[in-house]
All heavy atoms as atom14 arrays in JSON, in Angstrom:
{
  "sequence": "VFLQMSNLKPEDTGVYYCNLGGTSWAAGRYWGQGTQVTVSS",
  "atom14_mask": [
    [1, 1, 1, 1, 1, 1, 1, 0, 0, 0, 0, 0, 0, 0],
    [1, 1, 1, 1, 1, 1, 1, 1, 1, 1, 1, 0, 0, 0],
    [1, 1, 1, 1, 1, 1, 1, 1, 0, 0, 0, 0, 0, 0],
    [1, 1, 1, 1, 1, 1, 1, 1, 1, 0, 0, 0, 0, 0],
    [1, 1, 1, 1, 1, 1, 1, 1, 0, 0, 0, 0, 0, 0],
    [1, 1, 1, 1, 1, 1, 0, 0, 0, 0, 0, 0, 0, 0],
    [1, 1, 1, 1, 1, 1, 1, 1, 0, 0, 0, 0, 0, 0],
    [1, 1, 1, 1, 1, 1, 1, 1, 0, 0, 0, 0, 0, 0],
    [1, 1, 1, 1, 1, 1, 1, 1, 1, 0, 0, 0, 0, 0],
    [1, 1, 1, 1, 1, 1, 1, 0, 0, 0, 0, 0, 0, 0],
    [1, 1, 1, 1, 1, 1, 1, 1, 1, 0, 0, 0, 0, 0],
    [1, 1, 1, 1, 1, 1, 1, 1, 0, 0, 0, 0, 0, 0],
    [1, 1, 1, 1, 1, 1, 1, 0, 0, 0, 0, 0, 0, 0],
    [1, 1, 1, 1, 0, 0, 0, 0, 0, 0, 0, 0, 0, 0],
    [1, 1, 1, 1, 1, 1, 1, 0, 0, 0, 0, 0, 0, 0],
    [1, 1, 1, 1, 1, 1, 1, 1, 1, 1, 1, 1, 0, 0],
    [1, 1, 1, 1, 1, 1, 1, 1, 1, 1, 1, 1, 0, 0],
    [1, 1, 1, 1, 1, 1, 0, 0, 0, 0, 0, 0, 0, 0],
    [1, 1, 1, 1, 1, 1, 1, 1, 0, 0, 0, 0, 0, 0],
    [1, 1, 1, 1, 1, 1, 1, 1, 0, 0, 0, 0, 0, 0],
    [1, 1, 1, 1, 0, 0, 0, 0, 0, 0, 0, 0, 0, 0],
    [1, 1, 1, 1, 0, 0, 0, 0, 0, 0, 0, 0, 0, 0],
    [1, 1, 1, 1, 1, 1, 1, 0, 0, 0, 0, 0, 0, 0],
    [1, 1, 1, 1, 1, 1, 0, 0, 0, 0, 0, 0, 0, 0],
    [1, 1, 1, 1, 1, 1, 1, 1, 1, 1, 1, 1, 1, 1],
    [1, 1, 1, 1, 1, 0, 0, 0, 0, 0, 0, 0, 0, 0],
    [1, 1, 1, 1, 1, 0, 0, 0, 0, 0, 0, 0, 0, 0],
    [1, 1, 1, 1, 0, 0, 0, 0, 0, 0, 0, 0, 0, 0],
    [1, 1, 1, 1, 1, 1, 1, 1, 1, 1, 1, 0, 0, 0],
    [1, 1, 1, 1, 1, 1, 1, 1, 1, 1, 1, 1, 0, 0],
    [1, 1, 1, 1, 1, 1, 1, 1, 1, 1, 1, 1, 1, 1],
    [1, 1, 1, 1, 0, 0, 0, 0, 0, 0, 0, 0, 0, 0],
    [1, 1, 1, 1, 1, 1, 1, 1, 1, 0, 0, 0, 0, 0],
    [1, 1, 1, 1, 0, 0, 0, 0, 0, 0, 0, 0, 0, 0],
    [1, 1, 1, 1, 1, 1, 1, 0, 0, 0, 0, 0, 0, 0],
    [1, 1, 1, 1, 1, 1, 1, 1, 1, 0, 0, 0, 0, 0],
    [1, 1, 1, 1, 1, 1, 1, 0, 0, 0, 0, 0, 0, 0],
    [1, 1, 1, 1, 1, 1, 1, 0, 0, 0, 0, 0, 0, 0],
    [1, 1, 1, 1, 1, 1, 1, 0, 0, 0, 0, 0, 0, 0],
    [1, 1, 1, 1, 1, 1, 0, 0, 0, 0, 0, 0, 0, 0],
    [1, 1, 1, 1, 1, 1, 0, 0, 0, 0, 0, 0, 0, 0]
  ],
  "atom14_positions": [
    [[6.18, -52.81, -36.82], [7.22, -51.81, -36.71], [6.58, -50.53, -36.19], [5.44, -50.21, -36.54], [7.93, -51.59, -38.06], [6.97, -51.07, -39.13], [9.12, -50.65, -37.91], [0.0, 0.0, 0.0], [0.0, 0.0, 0.0], [0.0, 0.0, 0.0], [0.0, 0.0, 0.0], [0.0, 0.0, 0.0], [0.0, 0.0, 0.0], [0.0, 0.0, 0.0]],
    [[7.32, -49.82, -35.35], [6.81, -48.63, -34.69], [7.65, -47.42, -35.06], [8.84, -47.54, -35.35], [6.84, -48.81, -33.17], [6.13, -50.03, -32.67], [6.83, -51.19, -32.41], [4.76, -50.01, -32.46], [6.19, -52.34, -31.95], [4.11, -51.14, -31.99], [4.82, -52.31, -31.74], [0.0, 0.0, 0.0], [0.0, 0.0, 0.0], [0.0, 0.0, 0.0]],
    [[7.04, -46.25, -34.99], [7.77, -45.0, -35.09], [7.26, -44.08, -34.0], [6.12, -43.61, -34.05], [7.59, -44.34, -36.46], [8.45, -43.1, -36.69], [9.95, -43.48, -36.75], [8.05, -42.38, -37.98], [0.0, 0.0, 0.0], [0.0, 0.0, 0.0], [0.0, 0.0, 0.0], [0.0, 0.0, 0.0], [0.0, 0.0, 0.0], [0.0, 0.0, 0.0]],
    [[8.1, -43.87, -33.01], [7.77, -42.93, -31.94], [8.3, -41.57, -32.33], [9.5, -41.4, -32.58], [8.42, -43.38, -30.63], [7.89, -44.72, -30.12], [8.68, -45.19, -28.91], [9.76, -45.77, -29.02], [8.13, -44.97, -27.73], [0.0, 0.0, 0.0], [0.0, 0.0, 0.0], [0.0, 0.0, 0.0], [0.0, 0.0, 0.0], [0.0, 0.0, 0.0]],
    [[7.41, -40.58, -32.39], [7.77, -39.24, -32.84], [7.52, -38.27, -31.68], [6.4, -38.19, -31.18], [6.93, -38.85, -34.05], [7.03, -39.85, -35.2], [6.15, -39.31, -36.67], [4.47, -39.41, -36.07], [0.0, 0.0, 0.0], [0.0, 0.0, 0.0], [0.0, 0.0, 0.0], [0.0, 0.0, 0.0], [0.0, 0.0, 0.0], [0.0, 0.0, 0.0]],
    [[8.56, -37.57, -31.3], [8.42, -36.6, -30.22], [8.89, -35.23, -30.68], [9.56, -35.11, -31.71], [9.21, -37.05, -28.99], [10.59, -37.13, -29.29], [0.0, 0.0, 0.0], [0.0, 0.0, 0.0], [0.0, 0.0, 0.0], [0.0, 0.0, 0.0], [0.0, 0.0, 0.0], [0.0, 0.0, 0.0], [0.0, 0.0, 0.0], [0.0, 0.0, 0.0]],
    [[8.53, -34.21, -29.91], [8.89, -32.83, -30.25], [8.6, -32.53, -31.73], [9.44, -32.03, -32.46], [10.37, -32.57, -29.94], [10.74, -31.11, -30.05], [9.88, -30.24, -29.94], [12.02, -30.85, -30.25], [0.0, 0.0, 0.0], [0.0, 0.0, 0.0], [0.0, 0.0, 0.0], [0.0, 0.0, 0.0], [0.0, 0.0, 0.0], [0.0, 0.0, 0.0]],
    [[7.39, -32.86, -32.13], [7.01, -32.72, -33.53], [7.02, -31.27, -33.98], [6.7, -30.35, -33.21], [5.64, -33.35, -33.76], [5.68, -34.89, -33.85], [4.31, -35.49, -33.59], [6.21, -35.32, -35.21], [0.0, 0.0, 0.0], [0.0, 0.0, 0.0], [0.0, 0.0, 0.0], [0.0, 0.0, 0.0], [0.0, 0.0, 0.0], [0.0, 0.0, 0.0]],
    [[7.39, -31.09, -35.25], [7.48, -29.77, -35.86], [6.55, -29.71, -37.07], [6.24, -30.75, -37.67], [8.93, -29.51, -36.3], [9.95, -29.63, -35.18], [11.36, -29.45, -35.71], [12.38, -29.57, -34.58], [13.78, -29.38, -35.08], [0.0, 0.0, 0.0], [0.0, 0.0, 0.0], [0.0, 0.0, 0.0], [0.0, 0.0, 0.0], [0.0, 0.0, 0.0]],
    [[6.16, -28.51, -37.47], [5.28, -28.4, -38.65], [5.88, -29.07, -39.9], [5.13, -29.63, -40.71], [5.15, -26.89, -38.84], [5.29, -26.35, -37.45], [6.32, -27.22, -36.79], [0.0, 0.0, 0.0], [0.0, 0.0, 0.0], [0.0, 0.0, 0.0], [0.0, 0.0, 0.0], [0.0, 0.0, 0.0], [0.0, 0.0, 0.0], [0.0, 0.0, 0.0]],
    [[7.19, -29.05, -40.03], [7.8, -29.67, -41.2], [7.75, -31.2, -41.17], [8.1, -31.85, -42.16], [9.26, -29.21, -41.36], [10.12, -29.39, -40.14], [10.24, -28.1, -39.32], [9.22, -27.4, -39.16], [11.36, -27.83, -38.83], [0.0, 0.0, 0.0], [0.0, 0.0, 0.0], [0.0, 0.0, 0.0], [0.0, 0.0, 0.0], [0.0, 0.0, 0.0]],
    [[7.32, -31.78, -40.07], [7.11, -33.22, -40.01], [5.77, -33.64, -40.63], [5.5, -34.83, -40.79], [7.14, -33.71, -38.56], [8.48, -33.51, -37.9], [9.52, -33.7, -38.56], [8.5, -33.14, -36.69], [0.0, 0.0, 0.0], [0.0, 0.0, 0.0], [0.0, 0.0, 0.0], [0.0, 0.0, 0.0], [0.0, 0.0, 0.0], [0.0, 0.0, 0.0]],
    [[4.96, -32.66, -40.97], [3.65, -32.93, -41.55], [3.77, -33.71, -42.86], [4.64, -33.41, -43.68], [2.89, -31.62, -41.79], [2.61, -31.01, -40.52], [1.59, -31.85, -42.55], [0.0, 0.0, 0.0], [0.0, 0.0, 0.0], [0.0, 0.0, 0.0], [0.0, 0.0, 0.0], [0.0, 0.0, 0.0], [0.0, 0.0, 0.0], [0.0, 0.0, 0.0]],
    [[2.89, -34.68, -43.05], [2.87, -35.44, -44.28], [2.21, -36.79, -44.09], [1.81, -37.14, -42.97], [0.0, 0.0, 0.0], [0.0, 0.0, 0.0], [0.0, 0.0, 0.0], [0.0, 0.0, 0.0], [0.0, 0.0, 0.0], [0.0, 0.0, 0.0], [0.0, 0.0, 0.0], [0.0, 0.0, 0.0], [0.0, 0.0, 0.0], [0.0, 0.0, 0.0]],
    [[2.11, -37.52, -45.17], [1.62, -38.89, -45.11], [2.81, -39.8, -44.88], [3.8, -39.75, -45.63], [0.87, -39.29, -46.39], [0.4, -40.73, -46.31], [-0.31, -38.35, -46.64], [0.0, 0.0, 0.0], [0.0, 0.0, 0.0], [0.0, 0.0, 0.0], [0.0, 0.0, 0.0], [0.0, 0.0, 0.0], [0.0, 0.0, 0.0], [0.0, 0.0, 0.0]],
    [[2.71, -40.62, -43.86], [3.8, -41.54, -43.5], [3.44, -42.94, -43.99], [2.35, -43.45, -43.71], [4.01, -41.54, -41.99], [4.75, -40.32, -41.52], [4.15, -39.06, -41.54], [6.07, -40.41, -41.06], [4.84, -37.93, -41.13], [6.76, -39.28, -40.64], [6.14, -38.05, -40.67], [6.82, -36.93, -40.26], [0.0, 0.0, 0.0], [0.0, 0.0, 0.0]],
    [[4.38, -43.52, -44.7], [4.18, -44.83, -45.3], [5.14, -45.85, -44.69], [6.35, -45.56, -44.54], [4.43, -44.79, -46.8], [3.5, -43.89, -47.57], [3.82, -42.57, -47.83], [2.28, -44.38, -48.06], [2.98, -41.74, -48.54], [1.43, -43.56, -48.78], [1.78, -42.24, -49.02], [0.93, -41.43, -49.73], [0.0, 0.0, 0.0], [0.0, 0.0, 0.0]],
    [[4.63, -46.98, -44.41], [5.43, -48.12, -43.97], [5.93, -48.86, -45.21], [5.19, -49.03, -46.18], [4.54, -49.02, -43.11], [5.3, -50.54, -42.54], [0.0, 0.0, 0.0], [0.0, 0.0, 0.0], [0.0, 0.0, 0.0], [0.0, 0.0, 0.0], [0.0, 0.0, 0.0], [0.0, 0.0, 0.0], [0.0, 0.0, 0.0], [0.0, 0.0, 0.0]],
    [[7.19, -49.3, -45.16], [7.78, -50.01, -46.3], [8.47, -51.28, -45.82], [9.17, -51.26, -44.81], [8.79, -49.11, -47.01], [9.45, -49.81, -48.18], [10.56, -50.32, -48.07], [8.76, -49.84, -49.31], [0.0, 0.0, 0.0], [0.0, 0.0, 0.0], [0.0, 0.0, 0.0], [0.0, 0.0, 0.0], [0.0, 0.0, 0.0], [0.0, 0.0, 0.0]],
    [[8.28, -52.34, -46.57], [8.87, -53.64, -46.2], [9.85, -54.11, -47.26], [9.59, -53.98, -48.47], [7.75, -54.68, -46.05], [8.18, -56.1, -45.67], [7.17, -56.72, -44.71], [8.34, -56.99, -46.91], [0.0, 0.0, 0.0], [0.0, 0.0, 0.0], [0.0, 0.0, 0.0], [0.0, 0.0, 0.0], [0.0, 0.0, 0.0], [0.0, 0.0, 0.0]],
    [[10.95, -54.61, -46.78], [11.88, -55.28, -47.68], [13.01, -54.42, -48.2], [13.83, -54.9, -48.99], [0.0, 0.0, 0.0], [0.0, 0.0, 0.0], [0.0, 0.0, 0.0], [0.0, 0.0, 0.0], [0.0, 0.0, 0.0], [0.0, 0.0, 0.0], [0.0, 0.0, 0.0], [0.0, 0.0, 0.0], [0.0, 0.0, 0.0], [0.0, 0.0, 0.0]],
    [[13.05, -53.16, -47.8], [14.08, -52.28, -48.32], [15.31, -52.18, -47.42], [15.43, -52.86, -46.41], [0.0, 0.0, 0.0], [0.0, 0.0, 0.0], [0.0, 0.0, 0.0], [0.0, 0.0, 0.0], [0.0, 0.0, 0.0], [0.0, 0.0, 0.0], [0.0, 0.0, 0.0], [0.0, 0.0, 0.0], [0.0, 0.0, 0.0], [0.0, 0.0, 0.0]],
    [[16.19, -51.3, -47.82], [17.39, -51.0, -47.06], [17.36, -49.53, -46.68], [16.41, -48.81, -47.02], [18.64, -51.29, -47.9], [18.65, -50.4, -49.02], [18.66, -52.72, -48.4], [0.0, 0.0, 0.0], [0.0, 0.0, 0.0], [0.0, 0.0, 0.0], [0.0, 0.0, 0.0], [0.0, 0.0, 0.0], [0.0, 0.0, 0.0], [0.0, 0.0, 0.0]],
    [[18.4, -49.07, -46.03], [18.44, -47.66, -45.64], [18.65, -46.74, -46.84], [18.49, -45.53, -46.74], [19.54, -47.43, -44.6], [20.79, -47.81, -45.12], [0.0, 0.0, 0.0], [0.0, 0.0, 0.0], [0.0, 0.0, 0.0], [0.0, 0.0, 0.0], [0.0, 0.0, 0.0], [0.0, 0.0, 0.0], [0.0, 0.0, 0.0], [0.0, 0.0, 0.0]],
    [[19.01, -47.29, -48.0], [19.24, -46.45, -49.18], [18.28, -46.75, -50.32], [18.27, -46.01, -51.3], [20.68, -46.62, -49.68], [21.05, -48.01, -50.06], [20.92, -48.59, -51.29], [21.61, -49.02, -49.22], [21.36, -49.89, -51.26], [21.78, -50.18, -50.0], [21.98, -49.06, -47.88], [22.32, -51.36, -49.49], [22.51, -50.23, -47.36], [22.67, -51.36, -48.16]],
    [[17.47, -47.76, -50.22], [16.53, -48.1, -51.29], [15.29, -48.75, -50.69], [15.4, -49.69, -49.9], [17.18, -49.04, -52.3], [0.0, 0.0, 0.0], [0.0, 0.0, 0.0], [0.0, 0.0, 0.0], [0.0, 0.0, 0.0], [0.0, 0.0, 0.0], [0.0, 0.0, 0.0], [0.0, 0.0, 0.0], [0.0, 0.0, 0.0], [0.0, 0.0, 0.0]],
    [[14.14, -48.23, -51.08], [12.89, -48.78, -50.56], [12.62, -50.16, -51.14], [13.06, -50.5, -52.23], [11.73, -47.85, -50.91], [0.0, 0.0, 0.0], [0.0, 0.0, 0.0], [0.0, 0.0, 0.0], [0.0, 0.0, 0.0], [0.0, 0.0, 0.0], [0.0, 0.0, 0.0], [0.0, 0.0, 0.0], [0.0, 0.0, 0.0], [0.0, 0.0, 0.0]],
    [[11.86, -50.94, -50.36], [11.45, -52.25, -50.81], [10.2, -52.18, -51.68], [9.66, -51.1, -51.97], [0.0, 0.0, 0.0], [0.0, 0.0, 0.0], [0.0, 0.0, 0.0], [0.0, 0.0, 0.0], [0.0, 0.0, 0.0], [0.0, 0.0, 0.0], [0.0, 0.0, 0.0], [0.0, 0.0, 0.0], [0.0, 0.0, 0.0], [0.0, 0.0, 0.0]],
    [[9.73, -53.31, -52.04], [8.64, -53.41, -52.99], [7.27, -53.1, -52.39], [6.37, -52.63, -53.08], [8.63, -54.84, -53.56], [7.5, -55.17, -54.49], [7.6, -56.61, -54.96], [6.48, -56.99, -55.81], [6.3, -58.2, -56.29], [7.16, -59.17, -56.01], [5.27, -58.48, -57.05], [0.0, 0.0, 0.0], [0.0, 0.0, 0.0], [0.0, 0.0, 0.0]],
    [[7.1, -53.32, -51.1], [5.77, -53.29, -50.51], [5.56, -52.05, -49.65], [6.42, -51.68, -48.84], [5.55, -54.54, -49.66], [5.64, -55.82, -50.46], [6.79, -56.61, -50.43], [4.59, -56.21, -51.29], [6.89, -57.76, -51.18], [4.68, -57.37, -52.04], [5.83, -58.14, -51.99], [5.92, -59.28, -52.73], [0.0, 0.0, 0.0], [0.0, 0.0, 0.0]],
    [[4.37, -51.45, -49.83], [4.01, -50.22, -49.13], [2.67, -50.37, -48.44], [1.78, -51.05, -48.94], [3.9, -49.06, -50.11], [5.18, -48.69, -50.79], [5.63, -49.15, -52.0], [6.17, -47.78, -50.3], [6.84, -48.58, -52.28], [7.2, -47.74, -51.27], [6.29, -47.02, -49.14], [8.34, -46.95, -51.11], [7.42, -46.22, -48.99], [8.42, -46.19, -49.97]],
    [[2.53, -49.67, -47.32], [1.23, -49.53, -46.71], [0.45, -48.43, -47.39], [0.93, -47.77, -48.31], [0.0, 0.0, 0.0], [0.0, 0.0, 0.0], [0.0, 0.0, 0.0], [0.0, 0.0, 0.0], [0.0, 0.0, 0.0], [0.0, 0.0, 0.0], [0.0, 0.0, 0.0], [0.0, 0.0, 0.0], [0.0, 0.0, 0.0], [0.0, 0.0, 0.0]],
    [[-0.77, -48.2, -46.89], [-1.64, -47.2, -47.5], [-1.33, -45.79, -47.04], [-1.8, -44.82, -47.66], [-3.11, -47.54, -47.19], [-3.61, -47.08, -45.84], [-3.11, -47.94, -44.68], [-2.43, -48.95, -44.89], [-3.43, -47.53, -43.46], [0.0, 0.0, 0.0], [0.0, 0.0, 0.0], [0.0, 0.0, 0.0], [0.0, 0.0, 0.0], [0.0, 0.0, 0.0]],
    [[-0.57, -45.66, -45.98], [-0.18, -44.36, -45.47], [-1.09, -43.88, -44.35], [-2.28, -44.22, -44.3], [0.0, 0.0, 0.0], [0.0, 0.0, 0.0], [0.0, 0.0, 0.0], [0.0, 0.0, 0.0], [0.0, 0.0, 0.0], [0.0, 0.0, 0.0], [0.0, 0.0, 0.0], [0.0, 0.0, 0.0], [0.0, 0.0, 0.0], [0.0, 0.0, 0.0]],
    [[-0.52, -43.08, -43.46], [-1.28, -42.46, -42.4], [-0.86, -40.99, -42.29], [0.32, -40.67, -42.34], [-1.08, -43.2, -41.06], [-1.94, -42.66, -40.05], [0.36, -43.15, -40.57], [0.0, 0.0, 0.0], [0.0, 0.0, 0.0], [0.0, 0.0, 0.0], [0.0, 0.0, 0.0], [0.0, 0.0, 0.0], [0.0, 0.0, 0.0], [0.0, 0.0, 0.0]],
    [[-1.85, -40.11, -42.17], [-1.59, -38.67, -42.19], [-1.13, -38.19, -40.83], [-1.77, -38.47, -39.81], [-2.85, -37.91, -42.61], [-2.72, -36.4, -42.57], [-1.82, -35.86, -43.68], [-1.92, -36.28, -44.83], [-0.94, -34.93, -43.33], [0.0, 0.0, 0.0], [0.0, 0.0, 0.0], [0.0, 0.0, 0.0], [0.0, 0.0, 0.0], [0.0, 0.0, 0.0]],
    [[-0.05, -37.43, -40.83], [0.42, -36.74, -39.64], [0.42, -35.24, -39.95], [1.01, -34.8, -40.93], [1.84, -37.19, -39.25], [2.41, -36.31, -38.14], [1.84, -38.66, -38.83], [0.0, 0.0, 0.0], [0.0, 0.0, 0.0], [0.0, 0.0, 0.0], [0.0, 0.0, 0.0], [0.0, 0.0, 0.0], [0.0, 0.0, 0.0], [0.0, 0.0, 0.0]],
    [[-0.29, -34.49, -39.12], [-0.36, -33.05, -39.29], [0.08, -32.38, -38.0], [-0.48, -32.66, -36.93], [-1.78, -32.6, -39.65], [-2.2, -33.26, -40.85], [-1.83, -31.09, -39.88], [0.0, 0.0, 0.0], [0.0, 0.0, 0.0], [0.0, 0.0, 0.0], [0.0, 0.0, 0.0], [0.0, 0.0, 0.0], [0.0, 0.0, 0.0], [0.0, 0.0, 0.0]],
    [[1.07, -31.5, -38.12], [1.58, -30.76, -36.97], [1.29, -29.29, -37.21], [1.85, -28.68, -38.12], [3.08, -30.99, -36.76], [3.55, -30.29, -35.47], [3.39, -32.48, -36.71], [0.0, 0.0, 0.0], [0.0, 0.0, 0.0], [0.0, 0.0, 0.0], [0.0, 0.0, 0.0], [0.0, 0.0, 0.0], [0.0, 0.0, 0.0], [0.0, 0.0, 0.0]],
    [[0.41, -28.75, -36.43], [-0.03, -27.37, -36.66], [-0.47, -26.74, -35.35], [-1.06, -27.39, -34.5], [-1.19, -27.35, -37.66], [-1.68, -26.03, -37.82], [0.0, 0.0, 0.0], [0.0, 0.0, 0.0], [0.0, 0.0, 0.0], [0.0, 0.0, 0.0], [0.0, 0.0, 0.0], [0.0, 0.0, 0.0], [0.0, 0.0, 0.0], [0.0, 0.0, 0.0]],
    [[-0.2, -25.44, -35.25], [-0.66, -24.71, -34.07], [-2.04, -24.12, -34.32], [-2.63, -23.52, -33.42], [0.34, -23.61, -33.71], [0.57, -22.77, -34.81], [0.0, 0.0, 0.0], [0.0, 0.0, 0.0], [0.0, 0.0, 0.0], [0.0, 0.0, 0.0], [0.0, 0.0, 0.0], [0.0, 0.0, 0.0], [0.0, 0.0, 0.0], [0.0, 0.0, 0.0]]
  ]
}
């Protein structure tokens, strides 16, 4: 699964986690370890 992020803003900063098995309103059971995204000037 991919996430293309454009026109990034400082408020997009954070650790992004992949989740498997969930719905748009409830996360599934399985998580990745996370990847850091930092948007800063």
